[in-house]
Protein backbone atom coordinates (compact mmCIF):
# COMPACT_ATOMS: atom_id res chain seq x y z
CA UNK A 1 0.00 0.00 0.00
CA UNK A 2 1.42 3.37 -0.95
CA UNK A 3 2.29 6.03 1.56
CA UNK A 4 -0.37 8.42 0.26
CA UNK A 5 -3.07 5.75 0.58
CA UNK A 6 -2.00 4.98 4.15
CA UNK A 7 -2.06 8.68 4.93
CA UNK A 8 -5.53 9.09 3.42
CA UNK A 9 -6.83 6.09 5.37
CA UNK A 10 -5.40 7.56 8.59
CA UNK A 11 -7.12 10.84 7.81
CA UNK A 12 -10.44 9.06 7.27
CA UNK A 13 -10.01 7.29 10.61
CA UNK A 14 -9.14 10.54 12.35
CA UNK A 15 -12.18 12.36 10.99
CA UNK A 16 -14.40 9.40 11.92
CA UNK A 17 -12.97 9.41 15.46
CA UNK A 18 -13.54 13.16 15.75
CA UNK A 19 -17.12 12.74 14.57
CA UNK A 20 -17.78 10.08 17.19
CA UNK A 21 -16.16 12.19 19.91
CA UNK A 22 -18.36 15.13 18.93
CA UNK A 23 -21.42 12.87 19.07
CA UNK A 24 -20.55 11.85 22.63
CA UNK A 25 -20.17 15.48 23.70
CA UNK A 26 -23.51 16.38 22.15
CA UNK A 27 -25.12 13.43 23.94
CA UNK A 28 -23.75 14.75 27.23
CA UNK A 29 -25.22 18.16 26.44
CA UNK A 30 -28.60 16.59 25.61
CA UNK A 31 -28.84 15.36 29.19
CA UNK A 32 -28.77 18.96 30.38
CA UNK A 33 -31.38 20.32 27.97
CA UNK A 34 -34.97 20.62 29.13
CA UNK A 35 -36.56 21.66 25.84
CA UNK A 36 -37.83 18.48 24.14
CA UNK A 37 -37.70 19.92 20.63
CA UNK A 38 -34.08 20.97 21.09
CA UNK A 39 -33.25 17.58 22.62
CA UNK A 40 -34.65 15.81 19.57
CA UNK A 41 -32.74 18.07 17.20
CA UNK A 42 -29.52 17.38 19.08
CA UNK A 43 -30.18 13.64 19.05
CA UNK A 44 -30.63 13.86 15.29
CA UNK A 45 -27.21 15.53 15.10
CA UNK A 46 -25.74 12.66 17.16
CA UNK A 47 -27.27 10.18 14.75
CA UNK A 48 -25.84 11.99 11.71
CA UNK A 49 -22.38 12.26 13.27
CA UNK A 50 -22.30 8.53 14.00
CA UNK A 51 -23.67 7.65 10.55
CA UNK A 52 -21.00 9.81 8.92
CA UNK A 53 -18.30 8.08 10.97
CA UNK A 54 -19.58 4.71 9.76
CA UNK A 55 -19.54 5.92 6.15
CA UNK A 56 -15.96 7.18 6.47
CA UNK A 57 -14.82 3.85 7.85
CA UNK A 58 -16.64 2.01 5.08
CA UNK A 59 -14.81 4.15 2.52
CA UNK A 60 -11.51 3.41 4.26
CA UNK A 61 -12.24 -0.32 4.25
CA UNK A 62 -13.34 -0.18 0.63
CA UNK A 63 -10.06 1.45 -0.32
CA UNK A 64 -8.18 -1.57 0.98
CA UNK A 65 -10.26 -3.86 -1.24
CA UNK A 66 -9.78 -1.60 -4.28
CA UNK A 67 -6.03 -1.53 -3.76
CA UNK A 68 -5.87 -5.31 -3.54
CA UNK A 69 -7.85 -5.63 -6.77
CA UNK A 70 -5.38 -3.31 -8.55
CA UNK A 71 -2.34 -5.34 -7.42
């Protein structure tokens, strides 16, 4: 695997990790919010952050398969 591909995969992992960390912080904030509409909006943000992290990791994993096919 080339250096640039490894670097790109690391970047994808890093962004996915950051997204999940942000989701956890938002979940902590949700516990302190009394407004139900705002709580639901924040929970939707948590869901999107986690879904995006999953997508980034799927792209990273797919890159490995694509590279093996090219070899």
